[in-house]
C-alpha cells in the first residue's frame, strides 16, 4: 500500500518536472510588445517632425517640441527600441528644436 502511494507520488513528480522543462524550453512571450520605430509617431500636439535622415544604424531626427514633451520623447524612443547617442536642444524663436542622433538598441 505504501509502495503504491510512493509510485504514484513519483509519477506525479515526474509529470511536474516534464511540465517545468517544457515551460523552460519554450520561448518566453514578452508581455510588453515593442512598438516598431517610426519617426511619424512623433507627430502630435506637442511635437512636430521637421527632419528625418535614416542611416544603417538608425538616423537623425529633428523635432519642434514643447518643453513638457522632451522627457516623453526619450521614453517613447526607448519603448520603440531606439537609443539616443547624441542630442541637442536649441531655441528657435518661441519653439524648441530637438535634434537626435538615433541608433537601434539591437544593433549593439
PDB file of N, CA and C in Angstrom:
ATOM      1  N   UNK A   1       0.821  -1.187   0.000  1.00  0.00           N
ATOM      2  CA  UNK A   1       0.000   0.000   0.000  1.00  0.00           C
ATOM      3  C   UNK A   1       0.869   1.256   0.000  1.00  0.00           C
ATOM      4  N   UNK A   2       1.855   1.284   0.887  1.00  0.00           N
ATOM      5  CA  UNK A   2       2.750   2.442   0.956  1.00  0.00           C
ATOM      6  C   UNK A   2       3.579   2.540  -0.324  1.00  0.00           C
ATOM      7  N   UNK A   3       3.985   1.403  -0.836  1.00  0.00           N
ATOM      8  CA  UNK A   3       4.777   1.381  -2.065  1.00  0.00           C
ATOM      9  C   UNK A   3       3.970   1.947  -3.232  1.00  0.00           C
ATOM     10  N   UNK A   4       2.709   1.583  -3.316  1.00  0.00           N
ATOM     11  CA  UNK A   4       1.840   2.086  -4.380  1.00  0.00           C
ATOM     12  C   UNK A   4       1.690   3.606  -4.285  1.00  0.00           C
ATOM     13  N   UNK A   5       1.586   4.114  -3.088  1.00  0.00           N
ATOM     14  CA  UNK A   5       1.491   5.556  -2.868  1.00  0.00           C
ATOM     15  C   UNK A   5       2.768   6.265  -3.319  1.00  0.00           C
ATOM     16  N   UNK A   6       3.915   5.672  -2.994  1.00  0.00           N
ATOM     17  CA  UNK A   6       5.196   6.250  -3.408  1.00  0.00           C
ATOM     18  C   UNK A   6       5.343   6.255  -4.927  1.00  0.00           C
ATOM     19  N   UNK A   7       4.889   5.193  -5.574  1.00  0.00           N
ATOM     20  CA  UNK A   7       4.962   5.107  -7.035  1.00  0.00           C
ATOM     21  C   UNK A   7       4.092   6.200  -7.666  1.00  0.00           C
ATOM     22  N   UNK A   8       2.911   6.431  -7.104  1.00  0.00           N
ATOM     23  CA  UNK A   8       2.025   7.474  -7.623  1.00  0.00           C
ATOM     24  C   UNK A   8       2.635   8.868  -7.420  1.00  0.00           C
ATOM     25  N   UNK A   9       3.232   9.074  -6.255  1.00  0.00           N
ATOM     26  CA  UNK A   9       3.880  10.361  -5.992  1.00  0.00           C
ATOM     27  C   UNK A   9       5.037  10.596  -6.955  1.00  0.00           C
ATOM     28  N   UNK A  10       5.799   9.537  -7.187  1.00  0.00           N
ATOM     29  CA  UNK A  10       6.941   9.656  -8.104  1.00  0.00           C
ATOM     30  C   UNK A  10       6.464   9.998  -9.515  1.00  0.00           C
ATOM     31  N   UNK A  11       5.395   9.336  -9.960  1.00  0.00           N
ATOM     32  CA  UNK A  11       4.850   9.611 -11.289  1.00  0.00           C
ATOM     33  C   UNK A  11       4.353  11.060 -11.377  1.00  0.00           C
ATOM     34  N   UNK A  12       3.713  11.540 -10.313  1.00  0.00           N
ATOM     35  CA  UNK A  12       3.222  12.918 -10.302  1.00  0.00           C
ATOM     36  C   UNK A  12       4.383  13.908 -10.350  1.00  0.00           C
ATOM     37  N   UNK A  13       5.443  13.623  -9.613  1.00  0.00           N
ATOM     38  CA  UNK A  13       6.620  14.495  -9.610  1.00  0.00           C
ATOM     39  C   UNK A  13       7.282  14.508 -10.985  1.00  0.00           C
ATOM     40  N   UNK A  14       7.366  13.353 -11.626  1.00  0.00           N
ATOM     41  CA  UNK A  14       7.951  13.290 -12.969  1.00  0.00           C
ATOM     42  C   UNK A  14       7.133  14.122 -13.961  1.00  0.00           C
ATOM     43  N   UNK A  15       5.815  14.064 -13.833  1.00  0.00           N
ATOM     44  CA  UNK A  15       4.964  14.868 -14.716  1.00  0.00           C
ATOM     45  C   UNK A  15       5.191  16.363 -14.472  1.00  0.00           C
ATOM     46  N   UNK A  16       5.338  16.734 -13.205  1.00  0.00           N
ATOM     47  CA  UNK A  16       5.602  18.138 -12.891  1.00  0.00           C
ATOM     48  C   UNK A  16       6.936  18.585 -13.468  1.00  0.00           C
ATOM     49  N   UNK A  17       7.964  17.751 -13.371  1.00  0.00           N
ATOM     50  CA  UNK A  17       9.276  18.100 -13.928  1.00  0.00           C
ATOM     51  C   UNK A  17       9.212  18.223 -15.447  1.00  0.00           C
ATOM     52  N   UNK A  18       8.455  17.336 -16.093  1.00  0.00           N
ATOM     53  CA  UNK A  18       8.300  17.436 -17.552  1.00  0.00           C
ATOM     54  C   UNK A  18       7.638  18.764 -17.924  1.00  0.00           C
ATOM     55  N   UNK A  19       6.607  19.120 -17.163  1.00  0.00           N
ATOM     56  CA  UNK A  19       5.902  20.375 -17.413  1.00  0.00           C
ATOM     57  C   UNK A  19       6.839  21.571 -17.215  1.00  0.00           C
ATOM     58  N   UNK A  20       7.609  21.552 -16.147  1.00  0.00           N
ATOM     59  CA  UNK A  20       8.565  22.638 -15.877  1.00  0.00           C
ATOM     60  C   UNK A  20       9.613  22.705 -16.981  1.00  0.00           C
ATOM     61  N   UNK A  21      10.105  21.552 -17.425  1.00  0.00           N
ATOM     62  CA  UNK A  21      11.099  21.521 -18.504  1.00  0.00           C
ATOM     63  C   UNK A  21      10.524  22.135 -19.781  1.00  0.00           C
ATOM     64  N   UNK A  22       9.292  21.764 -20.111  1.00  0.00           N
ATOM     65  CA  UNK A  22       8.675  22.315 -21.319  1.00  0.00           C
ATOM     66  C   UNK A  22       8.479  23.826 -21.203  1.00  0.00           C
ATOM     67  N   UNK A  23       8.117  24.296 -20.030  1.00  0.00           N
ATOM     68  CA  UNK A  23       7.981  25.744 -19.831  1.00  0.00           C
ATOM     69  C   UNK A  23       9.314  26.457 -20.001  1.00  0.00           C
ATOM     70  N   UNK A  24      10.357  25.873 -19.428  1.00  0.00           N
ATOM     71  CA  UNK A  24      11.683  26.494 -19.508  1.00  0.00           C
ATOM     72  C   UNK A  24      12.238  26.442 -20.927  1.00  0.00           C
ATOM     73  N   UNK A  25      11.930  25.393 -21.663  1.00  0.00           N
ATOM     74  CA  UNK A  25      12.469  25.221 -23.012  1.00  0.00           C
ATOM     75  C   UNK A  25      11.710  26.043 -24.047  1.00  0.00           C
ATOM     76  N   UNK A  26      10.453  26.385 -23.775  1.00  0.00           N
ATOM     77  CA  UNK A  26       9.676  27.143 -24.754  1.00  0.00           C
ATOM     78  C   UNK A  26      10.090  28.607 -24.726  1.00  0.00           C
ATOM     79  N   UNK A  27      10.108  29.253 -25.884  1.00  0.00           N
ATOM     80  CA  UNK A  27      10.484  30.673 -25.908  1.00  0.00           C
ATOM     81  C   UNK A  27       9.467  31.490 -25.123  1.00  0.00           C
ATOM     82  N   UNK A  28       9.987  32.369 -24.310  1.00  0.00           N
ATOM     83  CA  UNK A  28       9.117  33.209 -23.483  1.00  0.00           C
ATOM     84  C   UNK A  28       8.449  34.263 -24.347  1.00  0.00           C
ATOM     85  N   UNK A  29       7.176  34.451 -24.136  1.00  0.00           N
ATOM     86  CA  UNK A  29       6.460  35.506 -24.841  1.00  0.00           C
ATOM     87  C   UNK A  29       6.508  36.752 -23.982  1.00  0.00           C
ATOM     88  N   UNK A  30       6.970  37.802 -24.580  1.00  0.00           N
ATOM     89  CA  UNK A  30       7.076  39.065 -23.852  1.00  0.00           C
ATOM     90  C   UNK A  30       5.681  39.612 -23.576  1.00  0.00           C
ATOM     91  N   UNK A  31       5.466  40.041 -22.340  1.00  0.00           N
ATOM     92  CA  UNK A  31       4.186  40.646 -22.005  1.00  0.00           C
ATOM     93  C   UNK A  31       4.076  42.029 -22.626  1.00  0.00           C
ATOM     94  N   UNK A  32       5.211  42.695 -22.793  1.00  0.00           N
ATOM     95  CA  UNK A  32       5.222  44.007 -23.421  1.00  0.00           C
ATOM     96  C   UNK A  32       5.554  43.828 -24.895  1.00  0.00           C
ATOM     97  N   UNK A  33       4.765  44.438 -25.725  1.00  0.00           N
ATOM     98  CA  UNK A  33       5.059  44.388 -27.153  1.00  0.00           C
ATOM     99  C   UNK A  33       5.805  45.658 -27.525  1.00  0.00           C
ATOM    100  N   UNK A  34       6.955  45.477 -28.146  1.00  0.00           N
ATOM    101  CA  UNK A  34       7.768  46.609 -28.565  1.00  0.00           C
ATOM    102  C   UNK A  34       7.116  47.259 -29.780  1.00  0.00           C
ATOM    103  N   UNK A  35       6.883  48.545 -29.697  1.00  0.00           N
ATOM    104  CA  UNK A  35       6.352  49.297 -30.822  1.00  0.00           C
ATOM    105  C   UNK A  35       7.499  49.555 -31.788  1.00  0.00           C
ATOM    106  N   UNK A  36       7.296  49.239 -33.052  1.00  0.00           N
ATOM    107  CA  UNK A  36       8.333  49.485 -34.044  1.00  0.00           C
ATOM    108  C   UNK A  36       8.540  50.989 -34.200  1.00  0.00           C
ATOM    109  N   UNK A  37       9.788  51.360 -34.412  1.00  0.00           N
ATOM    110  CA  UNK A  37      10.125  52.774 -34.545  1.00  0.00           C
ATOM    111  C   UNK A  37       9.600  53.340 -35.853  1.00  0.00           C
ATOM    112  N   UNK A  38       9.003  54.495 -35.755  1.00  0.00           N
ATOM    113  CA  UNK A  38       8.623  55.287 -36.917  1.00  0.00           C
ATOM    114  C   UNK A  38       8.710  56.755 -36.522  1.00  0.00           C
ATOM    115  N   UNK A  39       9.433  57.564 -37.277  1.00  0.00           N
ATOM    116  CA  UNK A  39       9.501  58.988 -36.949  1.00  0.00           C
ATOM    117  C   UNK A  39       8.129  59.657 -37.016  1.00  0.00           C
ATOM    118  N   UNK A  40       7.214  59.080 -37.776  1.00  0.00           N
ATOM    119  CA  UNK A  40       5.876  59.664 -37.889  1.00  0.00           C
ATOM    120  C   UNK A  40       5.093  59.579 -36.581  1.00  0.00           C
ATOM    121  N   UNK A  41       5.483  58.665 -35.692  1.00  0.00           N
ATOM    122  CA  UNK A  41       4.808  58.551 -34.396  1.00  0.00           C
ATOM    123  C   UNK A  41       5.097  59.739 -33.484  1.00  0.00           C
ATOM    124  N   UNK A  42       6.013  60.603 -33.884  1.00  0.00           N
ATOM    125  CA  UNK A  42       6.362  61.768 -33.075  1.00  0.00           C
ATOM    126  C   UNK A  42       5.586  63.019 -33.497  1.00  0.00           C
ATOM    127  N   UNK A  43       4.635  62.844 -34.387  1.00  0.00           N
ATOM    128  CA  UNK A  43       3.760  63.947 -34.784  1.00  0.00           C
ATOM    129  C   UNK A  43       2.566  63.944 -33.830  1.00  0.00           C
ATOM    130  N   UNK A  44       2.492  64.919 -32.961  1.00  0.00           N
ATOM    131  CA  UNK A  44       1.339  65.042 -32.067  1.00  0.00           C
ATOM    132  C   UNK A  44       1.150  66.509 -31.706  1.00  0.00           C
ATOM    133  N   UNK A  45       0.312  66.762 -30.733  1.00  0.00           N
ATOM    134  CA  UNK A  45       0.001  68.157 -30.398  1.00  0.00           C
ATOM    135  C   UNK A  45       1.178  68.898 -29.769  1.00  0.00           C
ATOM    136  N   UNK A  46       2.164  68.163 -29.207  1.00  0.00           N
ATOM    137  CA  UNK A  46       3.300  68.810 -28.547  1.00  0.00           C
ATOM    138  C   UNK A  46       4.600  68.749 -29.342  1.00  0.00           C
ATOM    139  N   UNK A  47       4.667  67.870 -30.333  1.00  0.00           N
ATOM    140  CA  UNK A  47       5.891  67.754 -31.144  1.00  0.00           C
ATOM    141  C   UNK A  47       5.528  67.709 -32.626  1.00  0.00           C
ATOM    142  N   UNK A  48       6.471  68.189 -33.432  1.00  0.00           N
ATOM    143  CA  UNK A  48       6.289  68.183 -34.883  1.00  0.00           C
ATOM    144  C   UNK A  48       7.597  67.738 -35.522  1.00  0.00           C
ATOM    145  N   UNK A  49       7.527  66.706 -36.314  1.00  0.00           N
ATOM    146  CA  UNK A  49       8.702  66.203 -37.029  1.00  0.00           C
ATOM    147  C   UNK A  49       9.049  67.174 -38.147  1.00  0.00           C
ATOM    148  N   UNK A  50      10.307  67.637 -38.158  1.00  0.00           N
ATOM    149  CA  UNK A  50      10.711  68.538 -39.246  1.00  0.00           C
ATOM    150  C   UNK A  50      11.817  67.942 -40.114  1.00  0.00           C
ATOM    151  N   UNK A  51      12.473  66.889 -39.617  1.00  0.00           N
ATOM    152  CA  UNK A  51      13.565  66.296 -40.390  1.00  0.00           C
ATOM    153  C   UNK A  51      13.766  64.852 -39.949  1.00  0.00           C
ATOM    154  N   UNK A  52      13.955  63.956 -40.923  1.00  0.00           N
ATOM    155  CA  UNK A  52      14.332  62.580 -40.648  1.00  0.00           C
ATOM    156  C   UNK A  52      15.312  62.141 -41.724  1.00  0.00           C
ATOM    157  N   UNK A  53      16.495  61.725 -41.309  1.00  0.00           N
ATOM    158  CA  UNK A  53      17.513  61.210 -42.221  1.00  0.00           C
ATOM    159  C   UNK A  53      17.906  59.822 -41.737  1.00  0.00           C
ATOM    160  N   UNK A  54      17.381  58.767 -42.379  1.00  0.00           N
ATOM    161  CA  UNK A  54      17.723  57.410 -41.930  1.00  0.00           C
ATOM    162  C   UNK A  54      19.165  57.054 -42.260  1.00  0.00           C
ATOM    163  N   UNK A  55      19.717  56.138 -41.477  1.00  0.00           N
ATOM    164  CA  UNK A  55      21.045  55.588 -41.741  1.00  0.00           C
ATOM    165  C   UNK A  55      21.000  54.098 -41.425  1.00  0.00           C
ATOM    166  N   UNK A  56      22.096  53.418 -41.694  1.00  0.00           N
ATOM    167  CA  UNK A  56      22.161  51.979 -41.444  1.00  0.00           C
ATOM    168  C   UNK A  56      21.941  51.669 -39.963  1.00  0.00           C
ATOM    169  N   UNK A  57      22.532  52.466 -39.092  1.00  0.00           N
ATOM    170  CA  UNK A  57      22.445  52.217 -37.650  1.00  0.00           C
ATOM    171  C   UNK A  57      21.179  52.794 -37.021  1.00  0.00           C
ATOM    172  N   UNK A  58      20.554  53.758 -37.626  1.00  0.00           N
ATOM    173  CA  UNK A  58      19.387  54.428 -37.042  1.00  0.00           C
ATOM    174  C   UNK A  58      19.015  55.642 -37.858  1.00  0.00           C
ATOM    175  N   UNK A  59      19.498  56.813 -37.433  1.00  0.00           N
ATOM    176  CA  UNK A  59      19.233  58.018 -38.204  1.00  0.00           C
ATOM    177  C   UNK A  59      19.262  59.266 -37.354  1.00  0.00           C
ATOM    178  N   UNK A  60      18.996  60.388 -38.017  1.00  0.00           N
ATOM    179  CA  UNK A  60      18.926  61.674 -37.331  1.00  0.00           C
ATOM    180  C   UNK A  60      17.507  62.204 -37.460  1.00  0.00           C
ATOM    181  N   UNK A  61      16.958  62.631 -36.334  1.00  0.00           N
ATOM    182  CA  UNK A  61      15.601  63.145 -36.306  1.00  0.00           C
ATOM    183  C   UNK A  61      15.609  64.518 -35.646  1.00  0.00           C
ATOM    184  N   UNK A  62      14.867  65.446 -36.225  1.00  0.00           N
ATOM    185  CA  UNK A  62      14.730  66.782 -35.643  1.00  0.00           C
ATOM    186  C   UNK A  62      13.251  67.056 -35.414  1.00  0.00           C
ATOM    187  N   UNK A  63      12.960  67.556 -34.224  1.00  0.00           N
ATOM    188  CA  UNK A  63      11.588  67.846 -33.829  1.00  0.00           C
ATOM    189  C   UNK A  63      11.483  69.270 -33.315  1.00  0.00           C
ATOM    190  N   UNK A  64      10.382  69.922 -33.620  1.00  0.00           N
ATOM    191  CA  UNK A  64       9.997  71.137 -32.917  1.00  0.00           C
ATOM    192  C   UNK A  64       9.125  70.635 -31.774  1.00  0.00           C
ATOM    193  N   UNK A  65       9.478  71.024 -30.555  1.00  0.00           N
ATOM    194  CA  UNK A  65       8.833  70.409 -29.403  1.00  0.00           C
ATOM    195  C   UNK A  65       8.526  71.416 -28.306  1.00  0.00           C
ATOM    196  N   UNK A  66       7.477  71.119 -27.572  1.00  0.00           N
ATOM    197  CA  UNK A  66       7.200  71.856 -26.339  1.00  0.00           C
ATOM    198  C   UNK A  66       8.125  71.313 -25.255  1.00  0.00           C
ATOM    199  N   UNK A  67       8.479  72.160 -24.315  1.00  0.00           N
ATOM    200  CA  UNK A  67       9.395  71.756 -23.239  1.00  0.00           C
ATOM    201  C   UNK A  67       8.867  70.528 -22.495  1.00  0.00           C
ATOM    202  N   UNK A  68       7.579  70.498 -22.210  1.00  0.00           N
ATOM    203  CA  UNK A  68       6.983  69.390 -21.458  1.00  0.00           C
ATOM    204  C   UNK A  68       7.062  68.054 -22.202  1.00  0.00           C
ATOM    205  N   UNK A  69       7.209  68.077 -23.511  1.00  0.00           N
ATOM    206  CA  UNK A  69       7.230  66.846 -24.297  1.00  0.00           C
ATOM    207  C   UNK A  69       8.621  66.229 -24.414  1.00  0.00           C
ATOM    208  N   UNK A  70       9.662  66.958 -24.031  1.00  0.00           N
ATOM    209  CA  UNK A  70      11.039  66.471 -24.211  1.00  0.00           C
ATOM    210  C   UNK A  70      11.284  65.157 -23.453  1.00  0.00           C
ATOM    211  N   UNK A  71      10.993  65.059 -22.149  1.00  0.00           N
ATOM    212  CA  UNK A  71      11.246  63.785 -21.452  1.00  0.00           C
ATOM    213  C   UNK A  71      10.454  62.621 -22.047  1.00  0.00           C
ATOM    214  N   UNK A  72       9.204  62.873 -22.427  1.00  0.00           N
ATOM    215  CA  UNK A  72       8.374  61.826 -23.009  1.00  0.00           C
ATOM    216  C   UNK A  72       8.946  61.331 -24.338  1.00  0.00           C
ATOM    217  N   UNK A  73       9.596  62.208 -25.075  1.00  0.00           N
ATOM    218  CA  UNK A  73      10.220  61.814 -26.342  1.00  0.00           C
ATOM    219  C   UNK A  73      11.284  60.748 -26.110  1.00  0.00           C
ATOM    220  N   UNK A  74      12.099  60.923 -25.073  1.00  0.00           N
ATOM    221  CA  UNK A  74      13.140  59.943 -24.763  1.00  0.00           C
ATOM    222  C   UNK A  74      12.529  58.611 -24.325  1.00  0.00           C
ATOM    223  N   UNK A  75      11.458  58.666 -23.557  1.00  0.00           N
ATOM    224  CA  UNK A  75      10.766  57.442 -23.130  1.00  0.00           C
ATOM    225  C   UNK A  75      10.183  56.730 -24.343  1.00  0.00           C
ATOM    226  N   UNK A  76       9.542  57.477 -25.226  1.00  0.00           N
ATOM    227  CA  UNK A  76       8.939  56.903 -26.424  1.00  0.00           C
ATOM    228  C   UNK A  76      10.001  56.255 -27.312  1.00  0.00           C
ATOM    229  N   UNK A  77      11.149  56.884 -27.447  1.00  0.00           N
ATOM    230  CA  UNK A  77      12.232  56.300 -28.243  1.00  0.00           C
ATOM    231  C   UNK A  77      12.705  54.981 -27.639  1.00  0.00           C
ATOM    232  N   UNK A  78      12.872  54.941 -26.326  1.00  0.00           N
ATOM    233  CA  UNK A  78      13.295  53.703 -25.660  1.00  0.00           C
ATOM    234  C   UNK A  78      12.249  52.612 -25.843  1.00  0.00           C
ATOM    235  N   UNK A  79      10.971  52.969 -25.748  1.00  0.00           N
ATOM    236  CA  UNK A  79       9.896  51.994 -25.946  1.00  0.00           C
ATOM    237  C   UNK A  79       9.884  51.444 -27.368  1.00  0.00           C
ATOM    238  N   UNK A  80      10.441  52.195 -28.304  1.00  0.00           N
ATOM    239  CA  UNK A  80      10.489  51.767 -29.702  1.00  0.00           C
ATOM    240  C   UNK A  80      11.830  51.133 -30.066  1.00  0.00           C
ATOM    241  N   UNK A  81      12.663  50.846 -29.057  1.00  0.00           N
ATOM    242  CA  UNK A  81      13.927  50.159 -29.302  1.00  0.00           C
ATOM    243  C   UNK A  81      15.014  51.043 -29.883  1.00  0.00           C
ATOM    244  N   UNK A  82      14.959  52.337 -29.591  1.00  0.00           N
ATOM    245  CA  UNK A  82      15.959  53.260 -30.117  1.00  0.00           C
ATOM    246  C   UNK A  82      16.774  53.861 -28.975  1.00  0.00           C
ATOM    247  N   UNK A  83      18.070  54.027 -29.217  1.00  0.00           N
ATOM    248  CA  UNK A  83      18.991  54.641 -28.269  1.00  0.00           C
ATOM    249  C   UNK A  83      19.393  56.010 -28.812  1.00  0.00           C
ATOM    250  N   UNK A  84      19.455  56.994 -27.932  1.00  0.00           N
ATOM    251  CA  UNK A  84      19.899  58.335 -28.330  1.00  0.00           C
ATOM    252  C   UNK A  84      21.391  58.422 -28.050  1.00  0.00           C
ATOM    253  N   UNK A  85      22.206  58.494 -29.106  1.00  0.00           N
ATOM    254  CA  UNK A  85      23.656  58.587 -28.910  1.00  0.00           C
ATOM    255  C   UNK A  85      24.101  60.040 -28.731  1.00  0.00           C
ATOM    256  N   UNK A  86      23.385  60.971 -29.347  1.00  0.00           N
ATOM    257  CA  UNK A  86      23.666  62.409 -29.194  1.00  0.00           C
ATOM    258  C   UNK A  86      22.358  63.165 -29.368  1.00  0.00           C
ATOM    259  N   UNK A  87      22.291  64.313 -28.713  1.00  0.00           N
ATOM    260  CA  UNK A  87      21.152  65.192 -28.963  1.00  0.00           C
ATOM    261  C   UNK A  87      21.550  66.633 -28.688  1.00  0.00           C
ATOM    262  N   UNK A  88      20.805  67.535 -29.290  1.00  0.00           N
ATOM    263  CA  UNK A  88      20.988  68.960 -28.997  1.00  0.00           C
ATOM    264  C   UNK A  88      19.606  69.587 -28.865  1.00  0.00           C
ATOM    265  N   UNK A  89      19.554  70.604 -28.047  1.00  0.00           N
ATOM    266  CA  UNK A  89      18.313  71.319 -27.803  1.00  0.00           C
ATOM    267  C   UNK A  89      18.611  72.807 -27.933  1.00  0.00           C
ATOM    268  N   UNK A  90      17.893  73.471 -28.826  1.00  0.00           N
ATOM    269  CA  UNK A  90      18.134  74.904 -29.021  1.00  0.00           C
ATOM    270  C   UNK A  90      16.809  75.628 -29.215  1.00  0.00           C
ATOM    271  N   UNK A  91      16.826  76.917 -28.918  1.00  0.00           N
ATOM    272  CA  UNK A  91      15.637  77.749 -29.088  1.00  0.00           C
ATOM    273  C   UNK A  91      15.540  78.193 -30.537  1.00  0.00           C
ATOM    274  N   UNK A  92      14.370  78.059 -31.098  1.00  0.00           N
ATOM    275  CA  UNK A  92      14.072  78.545 -32.449  1.00  0.00           C
ATOM    276  C   UNK A  92      12.896  79.501 -32.310  1.00  0.00           C
ATOM    277  N   UNK A  93      13.194  80.748 -32.011  1.00  0.00           N
ATOM    278  CA  UNK A  93      12.121  81.708 -31.739  1.00  0.00           C
ATOM    279  C   UNK A  93      11.458  81.350 -30.420  1.00  0.00           C
ATOM    280  N   UNK A  94      10.161  81.091 -30.476  1.00  0.00           N
ATOM    281  CA  UNK A  94       9.427  80.711 -29.265  1.00  0.00           C
ATOM    282  C   UNK A  94       9.324  79.199 -29.107  1.00  0.00           C
ATOM    283  N   UNK A  95       9.918  78.451 -30.035  1.00  0.00           N
ATOM    284  CA  UNK A  95       9.840  76.988 -30.006  1.00  0.00           C
ATOM    285  C   UNK A  95      11.208  76.391 -29.695  1.00  0.00           C
ATOM    286  N   UNK A  96      11.214  75.100 -29.382  1.00  0.00           N
ATOM    287  CA  UNK A  96      12.459  74.375 -29.130  1.00  0.00           C
ATOM    288  C   UNK A  96      12.733  73.413 -30.271  1.00  0.00           C
ATOM    289  N   UNK A  97      13.972  73.381 -30.724  1.00  0.00           N
ATOM    290  CA  UNK A  97      14.405  72.435 -31.745  1.00  0.00           C
ATOM    291  C   UNK A  97      15.205  71.342 -31.050  1.00  0.00           C
ATOM    292  N   UNK A  98      14.706  70.114 -31.115  1.00  0.00           N
ATOM    293  CA  UNK A  98      15.372  68.950 -30.537  1.00  0.00           C
ATOM    294  C   UNK A  98      15.904  68.101 -31.683  1.00  0.00           C
ATOM    295  N   UNK A  99      17.223  67.968 -31.760  1.00  0.00           N
ATOM    296  CA  UNK A  99      17.859  67.152 -32.790  1.00  0.00           C
ATOM    297  C   UNK A  99      18.467  65.935 -32.112  1.00  0.00           C
ATOM    298  N   UNK A 100      18.156  64.755 -32.632  1.00  0.00           N
ATOM    299  CA  UNK A 100      18.562  63.492 -32.011  1.00  0.00           C
ATOM    300  C   UNK A 100      19.315  62.613 -32.999  1.00  0.00           C
ATOM    301  N   UNK A 101      20.423  62.052 -32.568  1.00  0.00           N
ATOM    302  CA  UNK A 101      21.135  61.034 -33.343  1.00  0.00           C
ATOM    303  C   UNK A 101      20.729  59.695 -32.732  1.00  0.00           C
ATOM    304  N   UNK A 102      20.094  58.843 -33.524  1.00  0.00           N
ATOM    305  CA  UNK A 102      19.495  57.611 -33.011  1.00  0.00           C
ATOM    306  C   UNK A 102      20.213  56.368 -33.511  1.00  0.00           C
ATOM    307  N   UNK A 103      20.213  55.340 -32.676  1.00  0.00           N
ATOM    308  CA  UNK A 103      20.741  54.018 -33.027  1.00  0.00           C
ATOM    309  C   UNK A 103      19.753  52.976 -32.545  1.00  0.00           C
ATOM    310  N   UNK A 104      19.619  51.913 -33.305  1.00  0.00           N
ATOM    311  CA  UNK A 104      18.764  50.802 -32.870  1.00  0.00           C
ATOM    312  C   UNK A 104      19.439  50.081 -31.711  1.00  0.00           C
ATOM    313  N   UNK A 105      18.670  49.762 -30.669  1.00  0.00           N
ATOM    314  CA  UNK A 105      19.232  49.095 -29.493  1.00  0.00           C
ATOM    315  C   UNK A 105      19.783  47.715 -29.826  1.00  0.00           C
ATOM    316  N   UNK A 106      19.132  46.975 -30.705  1.00  0.00           N
ATOM    317  CA  UNK A 106      19.581  45.616 -31.009  1.00  0.00           C
ATOM    318  C   UNK A 106      20.808  45.572 -31.907  1.00  0.00           C
ATOM    319  N   UNK A 107      21.290  46.712 -32.371  1.00  0.00           N
ATOM    320  CA  UNK A 107      22.497  46.750 -33.203  1.00  0.00           C
ATOM    321  C   UNK A 107      23.758  46.919 -32.380  1.00  0.00           C
ATOM    322  N   UNK A 108      23.627  46.900 -31.063  1.00  0.00           N
ATOM    323  CA  UNK A 108      24.796  46.979 -30.203  1.00  0.00           C
ATOM    324  C   UNK A 108      25.075  48.359 -29.808  1.00  0.00           C
TER     325      UNK A 108
END
